Amino acid sequence: MPRIAVVTDSVATVPPDLVKKHNIHVAPVHIIWDKVTYRDGVDLTPEQFYRRLRTAKVLPTTSSAVQGEYIQIFEGLRGKVDGAVVIALTGALGASYTSAVNAKELVEGLPVEVIDSRTAMMAQGFAVLAAAKVAAAGGTMSDVVQTVRNMMAKVHIYWAMDTLEYLRRGGRVSLPQAVLAGWLRVKPIMAIKDGKVSPEAKAVTKARAIQKLLQFMTDNTSAGKPLHVAIMHGDVPDELEHVKQAVTTRFQCAELLVSEITPVIGAHIGPGAVGLAFYNE
């Protein structure tokens, strides 16, 4: 085990094989559905979640107040590592950061640094992976923290949804009513900027929305530098393959990952979403 442990929440959506490979510790966020609490990605898989969501009359709610989950992880690490770095979901979208800060005060004997990633999904996940690689190479707490901050400065995330309705119901996006009415009739394209969800563009069809995603990646990357990309999807494997082909045709990727949009995010953006997280070295 590395000297410094890397910890995150399930919103980071790091693919399970990479979580295992890089010794990443994940605190599952909670989903409450019909008065039953599920641990994100543990008790409820993305496939199970989206199948149920498509026909559900009562929508789930989420709680990223996972102080107990962090305490359990910290207690398990105490005495085995020199410290832990937590890369948490942006505080503007949930309580993961606050939960980790509170948890570290309740566990003695383990130095913990908690970072608000100011992002989510695989943009957060790329910061987690970068941190884990530095930790595995013997990096200090300071090295790992600086790696996360460097990644936060250069990673981008955009996604296209079938509808804005789920975000509207959850209060995660705020637009004037007249503007919102127009966005509900199209395929919205969203980003996370400065830690908050930001409407960026809209398209009449999903195909045009995906083209806009690719254009955003072109606009925010440099052709001469190694490009790392994660394709994210909310239970739309056919669209995933189309996007994958488009990305590999249009860009020279040093790394191309596929990540399922986890249930706790799917509860807010609905089924059918497709997104890109990316950065240049």
Protein backbone atom coordinates (compact mmCIF):
# COMPACT_ATOMS: atom_id res chain seq x y z
CA MET A 1 0.00 0.00 0.00
CA PRO A 2 1.31 3.52 -0.82
CA ARG A 3 2.42 5.77 2.03
CA ILE A 4 -0.40 8.16 1.16
CA ALA A 5 -3.91 6.78 0.64
CA VAL A 6 -6.20 8.36 -1.95
CA VAL A 7 -9.87 8.59 -1.03
CA THR A 8 -12.86 9.88 -2.98
CA ASP A 9 -16.64 9.54 -3.20
CA SER A 10 -18.62 7.48 -5.69
CA VAL A 11 -19.54 10.57 -7.74
CA ALA A 12 -16.00 10.45 -9.20
CA THR A 13 -17.12 7.39 -11.22
CA VAL A 14 -13.63 5.98 -11.60
CA PRO A 15 -14.02 2.65 -13.47
CA PRO A 16 -14.01 -0.26 -10.98
CA ASP A 17 -10.95 -1.94 -12.49
CA LEU A 18 -8.93 1.25 -12.00
CA VAL A 19 -10.20 1.69 -8.45
CA LYS A 20 -8.79 -1.75 -7.67
CA LYS A 21 -5.57 -1.31 -9.65
CA HIS A 22 -4.66 1.99 -7.99
CA ASN A 23 -5.80 1.18 -4.43
CA ILE A 24 -8.39 3.96 -4.39
CA HIS A 25 -10.79 4.09 -1.45
CA VAL A 26 -14.35 5.09 -2.37
CA ALA A 27 -17.06 6.39 -0.03
CA PRO A 28 -20.43 5.50 -1.62
CA VAL A 29 -22.97 8.32 -1.69
CA HIS A 30 -26.50 7.36 -0.67
CA ILE A 31 -29.63 7.13 -2.82
CA ILE A 32 -33.04 7.17 -1.13
CA TRP A 33 -35.84 5.58 -3.13
CA ASP A 34 -39.25 4.64 -1.78
CA LYS A 35 -37.86 5.10 1.76
CA VAL A 36 -35.05 2.60 1.14
CA THR A 37 -31.42 3.79 1.30
CA TYR A 38 -28.96 2.35 -1.22
CA ARG A 39 -25.20 2.80 -1.34
CA ASP A 40 -24.28 4.18 -4.74
CA GLY A 41 -22.67 1.50 -6.88
CA VAL A 42 -22.74 -1.04 -4.03
CA ASP A 43 -26.40 -1.87 -3.41
CA LEU A 44 -27.61 -0.43 -6.71
CA THR A 45 -25.74 -0.80 -10.01
CA PRO A 46 -26.13 1.70 -12.87
CA GLU A 47 -27.96 -0.90 -14.98
CA GLN A 48 -30.46 -1.65 -12.21
CA PHE A 49 -30.90 2.04 -11.46
CA TYR A 50 -31.61 3.27 -14.99
CA ARG A 51 -33.97 0.39 -15.76
CA ARG A 52 -36.03 1.36 -12.73
CA LEU A 53 -35.74 5.13 -13.29
CA ARG A 54 -37.25 4.97 -16.76
CA THR A 55 -40.60 3.74 -15.40
CA ALA A 56 -40.54 5.21 -11.88
CA LYS A 57 -43.46 7.33 -10.71
CA VAL A 58 -41.54 8.46 -7.61
CA LEU A 59 -38.05 9.81 -8.31
CA PRO A 60 -35.13 9.03 -6.00
CA THR A 61 -33.33 11.58 -3.90
CA THR A 62 -29.65 11.60 -2.99
CA SER A 63 -27.57 12.37 0.06
CA SER A 64 -23.84 13.00 -0.19
CA ALA A 65 -23.60 13.47 3.59
CA VAL A 66 -21.41 10.37 3.99
CA GLN A 67 -19.54 11.18 7.17
CA GLY A 68 -19.94 7.63 8.46
CA GLU A 69 -18.55 6.17 5.24
CA TYR A 70 -15.46 8.37 5.51
CA ILE A 71 -14.96 7.53 9.18
CA GLN A 72 -14.99 3.82 8.32
CA ILE A 73 -12.38 4.36 5.60
CA PHE A 74 -10.15 6.51 7.82
CA GLU A 75 -10.28 4.04 10.68
CA GLY A 76 -9.32 1.24 8.31
CA LEU A 77 -6.30 3.25 7.10
CA ARG A 78 -5.04 4.36 10.50
CA GLY A 79 -1.69 2.79 11.29
CA LYS A 80 -1.27 1.48 7.73
CA VAL A 81 -0.41 4.72 5.89
CA ASP A 82 1.25 8.04 6.68
CA GLY A 83 -1.79 10.04 5.65
CA ALA A 84 -4.78 10.30 3.33
CA VAL A 85 -5.87 12.76 0.67
CA VAL A 86 -9.61 13.04 -0.04
CA ILE A 87 -10.77 14.38 -3.41
CA ALA A 88 -14.43 15.23 -2.89
CA LEU A 89 -17.36 16.20 -5.08
CA THR A 90 -17.67 19.96 -5.54
CA GLY A 91 -19.28 21.47 -2.46
CA ALA A 92 -21.78 23.31 -4.67
CA LEU A 93 -23.43 19.97 -5.56
CA GLY A 94 -23.36 18.04 -2.30
CA ALA A 95 -22.04 17.48 1.20
CA SER A 96 -19.21 15.05 0.46
CA TYR A 97 -16.53 17.65 1.17
CA THR A 98 -18.11 18.73 4.46
CA SER A 99 -18.61 15.09 5.45
CA ALA A 100 -14.94 14.33 4.88
CA VAL A 101 -13.83 17.41 6.84
CA ASN A 102 -16.06 16.42 9.77
CA ALA A 103 -14.92 12.80 9.62
CA LYS A 104 -11.23 13.66 9.80
CA GLU A 105 -11.84 15.54 13.07
CA LEU A 106 -13.33 12.40 14.59
CA VAL A 107 -10.53 9.99 13.67
CA GLU A 108 -7.28 10.49 15.55
CA GLY A 109 -3.88 9.29 14.42
CA LEU A 110 -4.34 9.78 10.68
CA PRO A 111 -3.32 13.02 8.95
CA VAL A 112 -5.99 13.83 6.34
CA GLU A 113 -6.10 16.53 3.67
CA VAL A 114 -9.55 17.16 2.16
CA ILE A 115 -9.82 18.86 -1.24
CA ASP A 116 -12.97 20.23 -2.83
CA SER A 117 -12.45 19.08 -6.44
CA ARG A 118 -14.73 21.85 -7.75
CA THR A 119 -16.05 19.32 -10.24
CA ALA A 120 -17.66 15.86 -10.51
CA MET A 121 -17.85 12.61 -12.46
CA MET A 122 -14.72 11.73 -14.43
CA ALA A 123 -13.30 15.26 -14.24
CA GLN A 124 -13.09 14.52 -10.52
CA GLY A 125 -12.06 10.98 -11.41
CA PHE A 126 -9.05 12.15 -13.41
CA ALA A 127 -7.84 14.09 -10.37
CA VAL A 128 -8.27 10.95 -8.28
CA LEU A 129 -6.33 8.81 -10.76
CA ALA A 130 -3.51 11.35 -11.01
CA ALA A 131 -3.28 11.49 -7.22
CA ALA A 132 -3.22 7.70 -6.94
CA LYS A 133 -0.37 7.40 -9.44
CA VAL A 134 1.74 9.93 -7.56
CA ALA A 135 0.99 8.19 -4.26
CA ALA A 136 1.96 4.81 -5.74
CA ALA A 137 5.28 6.30 -6.86
CA GLY A 138 6.06 7.23 -3.26
CA GLY A 139 4.85 10.82 -3.33
CA THR A 140 4.38 12.77 -0.13
CA MET A 141 1.11 14.28 1.06
CA SER A 142 2.21 17.59 -0.41
CA ASP A 143 3.03 15.96 -3.76
CA VAL A 144 -0.38 14.31 -3.97
CA VAL A 145 -2.24 17.49 -3.02
CA GLN A 146 -0.35 19.55 -5.60
CA THR A 147 -1.08 16.94 -8.27
CA VAL A 148 -4.80 17.24 -7.56
CA ARG A 149 -4.71 21.02 -7.73
CA ASN A 150 -2.80 20.91 -11.02
CA MET A 151 -5.42 18.60 -12.50
CA MET A 152 -8.28 20.78 -11.28
CA ALA A 153 -6.80 23.68 -13.25
CA LYS A 154 -6.82 21.87 -16.60
CA VAL A 155 -9.59 19.26 -16.67
CA HIS A 156 -12.89 19.97 -18.48
CA ILE A 157 -16.28 18.27 -18.40
CA TYR A 158 -19.33 18.58 -20.66
CA TRP A 159 -22.37 16.37 -21.06
CA ALA A 160 -25.54 16.24 -23.14
CA MET A 161 -28.87 15.18 -21.65
CA ASP A 162 -32.17 14.05 -23.07
CA THR A 163 -33.91 16.60 -20.85
CA LEU A 164 -33.23 19.28 -18.23
CA GLU A 165 -36.26 18.12 -16.27
CA TYR A 166 -34.38 16.04 -13.70
CA LEU A 167 -31.95 18.84 -12.88
CA ARG A 168 -34.84 21.28 -12.65
CA ARG A 169 -36.75 19.08 -10.22
CA GLY A 170 -33.68 18.63 -8.07
CA GLY A 171 -32.95 22.35 -7.96
CA ARG A 172 -29.43 21.82 -9.37
CA VAL A 173 -29.80 24.42 -12.11
CA SER A 174 -31.35 27.86 -11.81
CA LEU A 175 -32.71 29.68 -14.85
CA PRO A 176 -35.46 32.27 -15.34
CA GLN A 177 -38.78 30.55 -16.07
CA ALA A 178 -39.00 31.86 -19.64
CA VAL A 179 -35.47 30.62 -20.40
CA LEU A 180 -36.06 27.29 -18.67
CA ALA A 181 -39.15 26.61 -20.79
CA GLY A 182 -37.01 26.78 -23.93
CA TRP A 183 -34.30 24.52 -22.52
CA LEU A 184 -36.81 21.83 -21.58
CA ARG A 185 -37.75 21.37 -25.24
CA VAL A 186 -34.22 20.61 -26.48
CA LYS A 187 -31.15 18.50 -25.67
CA PRO A 188 -29.25 20.57 -23.09
CA ILE A 189 -25.46 20.57 -22.97
CA MET A 190 -24.06 21.27 -19.54
CA ALA A 191 -20.64 21.83 -17.99
CA ILE A 192 -19.22 22.28 -14.53
CA LYS A 193 -17.38 25.57 -14.21
CA ASP A 194 -16.12 27.14 -11.00
CA GLY A 195 -17.71 24.24 -9.13
CA LYS A 196 -21.23 24.83 -10.45
CA VAL A 197 -23.42 23.31 -13.16
CA SER A 198 -23.57 25.66 -16.11
CA PRO A 199 -25.85 25.43 -19.20
CA GLU A 200 -23.51 25.80 -22.19
CA ALA A 201 -25.49 25.06 -25.33
CA LYS A 202 -28.54 23.26 -26.68
CA ALA A 203 -29.33 21.14 -29.69
CA VAL A 204 -32.49 19.93 -31.39
CA THR A 205 -31.31 16.32 -31.61
CA LYS A 206 -28.96 14.10 -29.64
CA ALA A 207 -26.72 13.66 -32.69
CA ARG A 208 -26.22 17.42 -32.92
CA ALA A 209 -25.64 17.59 -29.17
CA ILE A 210 -22.83 15.04 -29.48
CA GLN A 211 -21.28 17.10 -32.27
CA LYS A 212 -21.31 20.10 -29.96
CA LEU A 213 -19.58 18.04 -27.26
CA LEU A 214 -16.84 17.17 -29.72
CA GLN A 215 -16.51 20.82 -30.69
CA PHE A 216 -16.15 21.83 -27.04
CA MET A 217 -13.31 19.32 -26.74
CA THR A 218 -11.66 20.73 -29.87
CA ASP A 219 -11.96 24.27 -28.50
CA ASN A 220 -10.43 23.35 -25.14
CA THR A 221 -7.50 21.14 -26.17
CA SER A 222 -4.23 21.47 -28.06
CA ALA A 223 -3.47 19.05 -30.88
CA GLY A 224 0.24 18.81 -30.06
CA LYS A 225 -0.16 17.64 -26.47
CA PRO A 226 -1.16 14.18 -25.16
CA LEU A 227 -4.92 14.06 -24.64
CA HIS A 228 -6.71 12.09 -21.94
CA VAL A 229 -10.45 11.48 -22.42
CA ALA A 230 -13.24 9.76 -20.52
CA ILE A 231 -16.53 9.04 -22.26
CA MET A 232 -19.40 8.94 -19.77
CA HIS A 233 -22.85 7.53 -20.43
CA GLY A 234 -26.13 6.95 -18.63
CA ASP A 235 -27.16 3.50 -19.87
CA VAL A 236 -26.96 4.20 -23.61
CA PRO A 237 -24.39 1.67 -24.92
CA ASP A 238 -25.30 2.31 -28.57
CA GLU A 239 -24.60 6.02 -28.29
CA LEU A 240 -21.44 5.22 -26.33
CA GLU A 241 -20.00 3.29 -29.27
CA HIS A 242 -20.88 6.12 -31.67
CA VAL A 243 -19.14 8.70 -29.46
CA LYS A 244 -16.14 6.41 -28.97
CA GLN A 245 -15.70 6.06 -32.72
CA ALA A 246 -16.09 9.80 -33.25
CA VAL A 247 -13.51 10.61 -30.57
CA THR A 248 -10.90 8.15 -31.86
CA THR A 249 -11.41 9.36 -35.43
CA ARG A 250 -11.12 13.03 -34.58
CA PHE A 251 -8.51 13.01 -31.78
CA GLN A 252 -5.22 11.29 -30.98
CA CYS A 253 -5.89 10.04 -27.45
CA ALA A 254 -3.07 9.05 -25.12
CA GLU A 255 -5.77 7.59 -22.86
CA LEU A 256 -9.43 6.81 -23.52
CA LEU A 257 -11.61 5.59 -20.66
CA VAL A 258 -15.28 4.66 -20.47
CA SER A 259 -17.25 5.46 -17.33
CA GLU A 260 -20.87 4.72 -16.48
CA ILE A 261 -22.67 7.72 -15.02
CA THR A 262 -23.32 6.54 -11.51
CA PRO A 263 -26.87 6.38 -10.07
CA VAL A 264 -26.36 9.31 -7.71
CA ILE A 265 -25.65 11.55 -10.72
CA GLY A 266 -28.27 9.83 -12.88
CA ALA A 267 -30.91 10.75 -10.30
CA HIS A 268 -30.34 14.41 -11.21
CA ILE A 269 -29.62 14.28 -14.94
CA GLY A 270 -31.82 11.35 -15.91
CA PRO A 271 -31.17 8.41 -18.26
CA GLY A 272 -29.63 8.84 -21.69
CA ALA A 273 -26.88 11.32 -20.86
CA VAL A 274 -23.57 11.23 -22.73
CA GLY A 275 -20.54 13.25 -21.70
CA LEU A 276 -16.84 13.91 -22.10
CA ALA A 277 -14.23 14.69 -19.47
CA PHE A 278 -10.79 15.52 -20.81
CA TYR A 279 -7.46 17.25 -20.33
CA ASN A 280 -4.15 17.85 -22.06
CA GLU A 281 -0.90 17.00 -20.35
